[in-house]
Protein backbone atom coordinates (compact mmCIF):
# COMPACT_ATOMS: atom_id res chain seq x y z
CA UNK A 1 -56.40 8.47 77.94
CA UNK A 2 -57.71 6.15 81.27
CA UNK A 3 -54.69 3.73 82.80
CA UNK A 4 -56.92 0.88 81.85
CA UNK A 5 -56.54 2.21 78.39
CA UNK A 6 -53.14 2.67 78.77
CA UNK A 7 -52.29 -0.79 80.32
CA UNK A 8 -54.60 -2.31 77.35
CA UNK A 9 -52.73 -0.39 74.47
CA UNK A 10 -48.97 -1.85 76.19
CA UNK A 11 -50.55 -5.54 76.41
CA UNK A 12 -51.23 -5.35 72.65
CA UNK A 13 -47.94 -3.97 71.92
CA UNK A 14 -46.45 -6.69 73.95
CA UNK A 15 -48.18 -9.38 72.42
CA UNK A 16 -46.64 -8.66 69.04
CA UNK A 17 -43.09 -8.80 70.02
CA UNK A 18 -41.81 -12.10 68.72
CA UNK A 19 -40.54 -14.35 71.25
CA UNK A 20 -36.69 -15.36 71.38
CA UNK A 21 -36.67 -14.65 67.27
CA UNK A 22 -38.19 -17.84 66.93
CA UNK A 23 -40.20 -15.83 64.01
CA UNK A 24 -36.89 -15.50 62.59
CA UNK A 25 -37.02 -17.96 59.72
CA UNK A 26 -33.03 -18.10 59.63
CA UNK A 27 -33.23 -19.10 63.12
CA UNK A 28 -35.55 -21.65 62.65
CA UNK A 29 -34.29 -23.04 59.40
CA UNK A 30 -31.04 -23.61 61.65
CA UNK A 31 -32.49 -24.81 64.43
CA UNK A 32 -34.32 -27.45 62.31
CA UNK A 33 -30.83 -28.43 60.52
CA UNK A 34 -29.38 -29.09 64.13
CA UNK A 35 -32.28 -31.22 64.74
CA UNK A 36 -32.28 -33.00 62.04
CA UNK A 37 -28.02 -33.41 62.08
CA UNK A 38 -28.39 -35.10 65.73
CA UNK A 39 -31.55 -37.26 65.09
CA UNK A 40 -29.72 -38.33 61.67
CA UNK A 41 -26.38 -39.34 63.58
CA UNK A 42 -28.29 -41.04 66.25
CA UNK A 43 -30.16 -43.17 63.68
CA UNK A 44 -26.91 -43.50 62.38
CA UNK A 45 -25.69 -45.00 65.47
CA UNK A 46 -28.62 -47.00 65.94
CA UNK A 47 -28.13 -48.76 62.47
CA UNK A 48 -24.62 -50.06 63.12
CA UNK A 49 -25.40 -50.91 66.28
CA UNK A 50 -28.15 -53.29 64.83
CA UNK A 51 -26.00 -54.17 62.04
CA UNK A 52 -22.98 -55.29 64.15
CA UNK A 53 -25.27 -57.53 66.36
CA UNK A 54 -26.90 -58.98 63.10
CA UNK A 55 -23.62 -59.93 61.72
CA UNK A 56 -20.86 -60.11 64.22
CA UNK A 57 -18.69 -57.72 62.37
CA UNK A 58 -18.21 -54.25 63.40
CA UNK A 59 -18.00 -51.31 60.51
CA UNK A 60 -14.18 -51.48 60.13
CA UNK A 61 -14.08 -55.21 59.49
CA UNK A 62 -17.44 -55.17 57.08
CA UNK A 63 -15.41 -52.06 54.54
CA UNK A 64 -12.37 -54.23 54.96
CA UNK A 65 -14.08 -57.27 53.78
CA UNK A 66 -16.55 -56.21 51.65
CA UNK A 67 -14.32 -53.49 49.61
CA UNK A 68 -11.67 -54.26 47.19
CA UNK A 69 -8.43 -52.58 47.98
CA UNK A 70 -7.73 -48.83 46.75
CA UNK A 71 -9.36 -45.37 47.12
CA UNK A 72 -12.69 -47.02 47.82
CA UNK A 73 -11.82 -48.78 50.60
CA UNK A 74 -8.79 -46.41 52.24
CA UNK A 75 -11.30 -43.80 52.05
CA UNK A 76 -14.76 -45.63 53.71
CA UNK A 77 -11.82 -46.40 56.56
CA UNK A 78 -10.83 -43.07 56.79
CA UNK A 79 -14.33 -41.35 56.94
CA UNK A 80 -15.27 -44.16 59.52
CA UNK A 81 -12.36 -43.21 61.84
CA UNK A 82 -12.49 -39.90 62.05
CA UNK A 83 -16.77 -39.96 62.57
CA UNK A 84 -16.48 -42.49 65.20
CA UNK A 85 -17.26 -41.24 68.33
CA UNK A 86 -13.99 -42.70 70.32
CA UNK A 87 -11.03 -39.91 70.48
CA UNK A 88 -8.63 -42.80 69.78
CA UNK A 89 -9.91 -44.09 66.50
CA UNK A 90 -10.32 -40.28 65.67
CA UNK A 91 -6.54 -39.40 66.53
CA UNK A 92 -5.93 -42.58 64.73
CA UNK A 93 -5.28 -41.15 61.10
CA UNK A 94 -3.03 -38.34 62.34
CA UNK A 95 -0.25 -41.09 64.05
CA UNK A 96 3.61 -40.93 63.32
CA UNK A 97 3.84 -43.60 60.71
CA UNK A 98 5.86 -45.51 62.96
CA UNK A 99 3.18 -45.99 65.26
CA UNK A 100 0.41 -47.49 63.14
CA UNK A 101 1.39 -50.92 64.00
CA UNK A 102 0.47 -50.05 67.96
CA UNK A 103 -2.44 -48.10 66.57
CA UNK A 104 -3.98 -51.14 64.82
CA UNK A 105 -3.64 -53.13 67.75
CA UNK A 106 -5.19 -50.10 69.67
CA UNK A 107 -8.57 -50.77 67.79
CA UNK A 108 -8.47 -54.35 67.55
CA UNK A 109 -8.44 -54.15 71.41
CA UNK A 110 -10.87 -50.94 71.28
CA UNK A 111 -13.46 -53.20 68.72
CA UNK A 112 -12.87 -56.30 70.77
CA UNK A 113 -11.52 -58.18 68.00
CA UNK A 114 -9.36 -61.18 67.85
CA UNK A 115 -6.18 -60.82 65.45
CA UNK A 116 -5.43 -64.60 65.83
CA UNK A 117 -8.95 -64.76 64.46
CA UNK A 118 -9.25 -62.06 62.13
CA UNK A 119 -5.76 -61.83 60.66
CA UNK A 120 -6.09 -59.86 57.20
CA UNK A 121 -8.53 -57.11 59.03
CA UNK A 122 -4.62 -55.90 60.73
CA UNK A 123 -2.92 -56.20 57.73
CA UNK A 124 -6.29 -54.43 55.55
CA UNK A 125 -5.95 -51.75 58.17
CA UNK A 126 -2.30 -51.04 58.29
CA UNK A 127 -2.34 -50.96 54.55
CA UNK A 128 -5.18 -48.16 54.70
CA UNK A 129 -3.71 -46.24 57.77
CA UNK A 130 -0.31 -45.91 55.96
CA UNK A 131 -2.37 -44.21 52.96
CA UNK A 132 -4.34 -42.02 55.24
CA UNK A 133 -1.12 -41.38 57.08
CA UNK A 134 0.95 -40.96 54.30
CA UNK A 135 -1.34 -38.38 52.55
CA UNK A 136 -1.52 -35.90 55.36
CA UNK A 137 2.35 -36.30 55.72
CA UNK A 138 2.56 -35.64 51.95
CA UNK A 139 0.70 -32.43 52.29
CA UNK A 140 2.96 -31.00 55.02
CA UNK A 141 5.92 -31.70 53.02
CA UNK A 142 4.22 -29.90 49.48
CA UNK A 143 3.56 -27.13 51.69
CA UNK A 144 6.68 -26.33 53.27
CA UNK A 145 8.43 -26.45 49.38
CA UNK A 146 6.18 -24.18 48.49
CA UNK A 147 6.52 -21.83 51.51
CA UNK A 148 10.35 -21.93 50.84
CA UNK A 149 10.98 -18.82 48.75
CA UNK A 150 13.86 -19.21 45.88
CA UNK A 151 17.29 -17.68 46.51
CA UNK A 152 19.71 -16.91 44.12
CA UNK A 153 22.45 -17.24 47.46
CA UNK A 154 21.65 -20.48 48.04
CA UNK A 155 24.08 -23.08 45.54
CA UNK A 156 21.46 -26.00 45.56
CA UNK A 157 18.42 -23.50 44.37
CA UNK A 158 20.99 -21.91 41.29
CA UNK A 159 21.76 -26.19 40.72
CA UNK A 160 18.51 -27.12 40.12
CA UNK A 161 17.69 -23.95 38.04
CA UNK A 162 20.46 -24.48 35.70
CA UNK A 163 19.64 -28.72 35.21
CA UNK A 164 16.51 -27.17 34.42
CA UNK A 165 18.31 -25.42 31.58
CA UNK A 166 20.43 -28.02 30.64
CA UNK A 167 17.55 -30.76 30.18
CA UNK A 168 15.07 -28.66 28.09
CA UNK A 169 18.11 -26.99 26.09
CA UNK A 170 21.01 -29.36 25.86
CA UNK A 171 22.72 -27.83 23.03
CA UNK A 172 22.10 -24.45 24.00
CA UNK A 173 24.43 -23.27 26.14
CA UNK A 174 23.54 -20.46 28.54
CA UNK A 175 26.02 -17.72 28.27
CA UNK A 176 25.40 -16.41 31.44
CA UNK A 177 23.01 -16.31 34.83
CA UNK A 178 21.16 -13.57 34.26
CA UNK A 179 19.76 -13.27 30.88
CA UNK A 180 17.29 -12.63 28.49
CA UNK A 181 17.46 -16.42 27.49
CA UNK A 182 15.32 -18.22 30.07
CA UNK A 183 12.41 -16.39 27.95
CA UNK A 184 12.98 -19.49 25.43
CA UNK A 185 11.84 -21.53 28.02
CA UNK A 186 8.90 -19.89 29.01
CA UNK A 187 9.73 -17.32 31.84
CA UNK A 188 9.11 -14.03 32.09
CA UNK A 189 12.16 -12.14 32.22
CA UNK A 190 16.25 -12.36 32.53
CA UNK A 191 15.71 -13.88 36.16
CA UNK A 192 13.64 -16.71 36.50
CA UNK A 193 13.71 -16.31 40.72
CA UNK A 194 10.99 -13.88 40.38
CA UNK A 195 8.47 -15.83 38.70
CA UNK A 196 8.46 -18.62 41.47
CA UNK A 197 6.87 -16.57 43.75
CA UNK A 198 3.74 -17.98 44.01
CA UNK A 199 4.69 -21.67 44.50
CA UNK A 200 8.13 -21.23 46.10
CA UNK A 201 10.74 -24.34 45.75
CA UNK A 202 7.52 -26.63 44.84
CA UNK A 203 7.19 -24.78 41.10
CA UNK A 204 11.03 -25.47 40.34
CA UNK A 205 11.06 -29.22 42.39
CA UNK A 206 8.22 -29.63 39.35
CA UNK A 207 9.53 -28.22 36.55
CA UNK A 208 13.20 -30.41 37.04
CA UNK A 209 11.45 -33.49 37.52
CA UNK A 210 9.70 -33.25 34.63
CA UNK A 211 12.55 -31.66 32.75
CA UNK A 212 14.35 -34.57 33.90
CA UNK A 213 12.33 -37.77 34.24
CA UNK A 214 10.19 -37.17 31.37
CA UNK A 215 12.99 -35.45 28.87
CA UNK A 216 11.36 -36.39 25.42
CA UNK A 217 7.61 -34.94 26.33
CA UNK A 218 9.03 -31.93 28.23
CA UNK A 219 11.52 -31.01 25.17
CA UNK A 220 8.38 -31.46 22.80
CA UNK A 221 5.52 -29.98 25.17
CA UNK A 222 8.03 -27.18 25.18
CA UNK A 223 8.48 -26.76 21.48
CA UNK A 224 5.17 -27.09 20.73
CA UNK A 225 4.22 -24.08 23.12
CA UNK A 226 6.88 -22.12 21.63
CA UNK A 227 5.07 -23.41 17.49
CA UNK A 228 2.04 -25.13 18.42
CA UNK A 229 0.94 -27.70 15.86
CA UNK A 230 -2.15 -27.27 14.21
CA UNK A 231 -1.72 -30.31 11.71
CA UNK A 232 -5.30 -30.39 10.99
CA UNK A 233 -4.92 -26.97 9.57
CA UNK A 234 -3.90 -26.43 6.00
CA UNK A 235 -0.41 -23.37 6.13
CA UNK A 236 -2.55 -20.57 4.97
CA UNK A 237 -4.96 -21.61 7.71
CA UNK A 238 -1.97 -21.56 9.99
CA UNK A 239 -0.56 -18.35 8.88
CA UNK A 240 -3.59 -16.81 9.77
CA UNK A 241 -3.82 -18.46 13.00
CA UNK A 242 -0.48 -17.26 14.02
CA UNK A 243 -1.66 -13.71 12.26
CA UNK A 244 -4.59 -13.93 15.00
CA UNK A 245 -1.77 -14.56 18.27
CA UNK A 246 -3.03 -18.38 18.98
CA UNK A 247 0.38 -18.72 19.76
CA UNK A 248 0.61 -21.29 22.71
CA UNK A 249 1.89 -20.30 26.29
CA UNK A 250 5.12 -19.21 28.58
CA UNK A 251 6.16 -23.24 29.16
CA UNK A 252 7.70 -22.47 32.57
CA UNK A 253 5.19 -19.85 33.85
CA UNK A 254 2.14 -22.30 32.98
CA UNK A 255 4.33 -25.11 34.64
CA UNK A 256 3.96 -22.86 37.99
CA UNK A 257 0.56 -22.74 37.41
CA UNK A 258 -0.08 -26.03 37.27
CA UNK A 259 2.14 -26.76 40.28
CA UNK A 260 -0.52 -24.27 41.59
CA UNK A 261 -3.56 -26.61 40.46
CA UNK A 262 -1.78 -29.83 41.76
CA UNK A 263 -1.20 -28.41 44.88
CA UNK A 264 -4.66 -27.14 45.56
CA UNK A 265 -6.20 -30.83 44.40
CA UNK A 266 -4.14 -32.11 47.03
CA UNK A 267 -4.73 -29.74 49.84
CA UNK A 268 -8.35 -29.97 49.16
CA UNK A 269 -8.52 -34.01 49.22
CA UNK A 270 -9.31 -34.31 45.79
CA UNK A 271 -6.25 -36.41 45.01
CA UNK A 272 -6.86 -38.99 47.42
CA UNK A 273 -8.81 -40.97 45.13
CA UNK A 274 -5.42 -41.23 42.84
CA UNK A 275 -3.13 -41.69 45.64
CA UNK A 276 -5.04 -43.90 47.44
CA UNK A 277 -5.67 -45.83 43.69
CA UNK A 278 -1.31 -45.83 42.67
CA UNK A 279 0.29 -45.87 45.90
CA UNK A 280 0.40 -49.19 47.72
CA UNK A 281 1.81 -47.24 50.94
CA UNK A 282 2.38 -43.97 51.78
CA UNK A 283 2.28 -41.62 48.49
CA UNK A 284 5.09 -39.84 48.77
CA UNK A 285 6.70 -36.25 46.91
CA UNK A 286 7.62 -38.32 43.68
CA UNK A 287 4.20 -39.35 43.73
CA UNK A 288 3.00 -35.70 43.62
CA UNK A 289 5.56 -35.03 41.21
CA UNK A 290 4.81 -37.42 38.69
CA UNK A 291 1.00 -36.53 38.84
CA UNK A 292 2.32 -33.18 37.80
CA UNK A 293 3.76 -34.79 34.78
CA UNK A 294 0.94 -35.84 33.87
CA UNK A 295 -1.62 -32.75 34.44
CA UNK A 296 1.36 -30.86 32.53
CA UNK A 297 1.22 -33.28 29.56
CA UNK A 298 -2.69 -33.43 29.74
CA UNK A 299 -3.03 -29.19 29.72
CA UNK A 300 -1.10 -29.34 26.96
CA UNK A 301 -2.95 -31.74 24.77
CA UNK A 302 -6.31 -29.44 26.44
CA UNK A 303 -4.73 -26.30 25.01
CA UNK A 304 -4.81 -27.26 21.90
CA UNK A 305 -8.15 -29.33 21.38
CA UNK A 306 -9.55 -25.58 23.00
CA UNK A 307 -7.82 -23.52 20.25
CA UNK A 308 -8.06 -20.26 22.20
CA UNK A 309 -7.33 -17.36 20.46
CA UNK A 310 -4.81 -16.47 22.69
CA UNK A 311 -2.97 -16.16 26.01
CA UNK A 312 -6.05 -13.60 27.28
CA UNK A 313 -8.22 -16.87 27.20
CA UNK A 314 -5.58 -19.25 29.85
CA UNK A 315 -7.39 -18.73 33.00
CA UNK A 316 -10.39 -19.81 31.29
CA UNK A 317 -9.35 -22.79 29.75
CA UNK A 318 -7.35 -23.48 33.20
CA UNK A 319 -10.58 -23.77 34.93
CA UNK A 320 -12.19 -25.93 32.37
CA UNK A 321 -9.53 -28.30 32.49
CA UNK A 322 -9.39 -28.06 36.36
CA UNK A 323 -13.03 -29.38 36.45
CA UNK A 324 -12.23 -31.93 34.17
CA UNK A 325 -9.88 -33.07 35.83
CA UNK A 326 -11.81 -33.16 39.09
CA UNK A 327 -14.65 -34.88 37.29
CA UNK A 328 -12.64 -37.71 36.93
CA UNK A 329 -10.98 -37.93 40.16
CA UNK A 330 -14.98 -38.17 41.83
CA UNK A 331 -14.64 -41.73 40.27
CA UNK A 332 -13.52 -43.95 43.36
CA UNK A 333 -11.50 -46.55 40.82
CA UNK A 334 -9.62 -43.31 39.15
CA UNK A 335 -5.30 -43.34 38.18
CA UNK A 336 -5.10 -40.95 36.49
CA UNK A 337 -1.49 -41.39 34.87
CA UNK A 338 -1.06 -45.34 35.64
CA UNK A 339 0.55 -45.85 32.07
CA UNK A 340 2.32 -42.33 32.06
CA UNK A 341 6.09 -42.31 31.60
CA UNK A 342 7.43 -40.82 34.40
CA UNK A 343 5.28 -43.60 37.02
CA UNK A 344 6.65 -46.80 35.17
CA UNK A 345 9.30 -46.95 38.38
CA UNK A 346 5.94 -46.60 40.76
CA UNK A 347 3.79 -48.61 38.86
CA UNK A 348 6.08 -51.46 40.48
CA UNK A 349 6.26 -50.86 43.93
């Protein structure tokens, strides 16, 4: 073959090589998405600039003046601060609670807002920041409890565990610290400490709070979990269901599991809707525990409604319940438990 033909063949092969990989659909799609992102971001900033010129108000002012207090306002303020091009505004959502007042002054100065002319803006921003910063701190506090293991050598841990028994079974003294009696309140063995591994002290804290502050409800849920009351069935039908092993669940184990559900709702940010609507300032551990009480009560009712064949259906029922709660929390006006017994002291805060 002549050198001219070889050169021609080589050039034809070279022309078939993709240039910089642009023929790859994944790379092309990624490039288009990046371009759209920056285009939309640029367009959004231009729109904000035009609206500010027309209204004479920055985005923070428009949110505070046009959105009523609660989750809708606080979540918009949070998104606005996080999405700001100013580092000072971005970091304002993670300041120490004691620095919030100074942070408000910095925001007003940066946005060139006269506090004397707009006194209500500072008050509204402070309330929102207290909730935003408080939520972040609550996540840290809850995570710390979750990571702390139960220690049977720690007197405080042991005292809390014994308090749980006394609240749930006041008329049945515990015969020994290591005892099969623990199974009566839903633990798996004769020493509950092994059941707290997944959620650490957080599971114990929640169970004790439920038993102490909503004692009547907690005792009723415990009783029903041991002997479910399907009042809509006749005695014969109920006997058949007992034979089919539809006999409830382990109260304490389910409480630890619902603690995990509440923890995930908190960490994912799903509970912001609820907390920003019920906590006038910073949400606290008490708000979280009160929410756990509500979830325990609601899950018990949901379990009865679902009428599972046996405990093996627990994960299915739990996942369905989880999705229902998530759907409720998508409503910006949602407050999960405004009238629940454990929350009565918090409503008037």
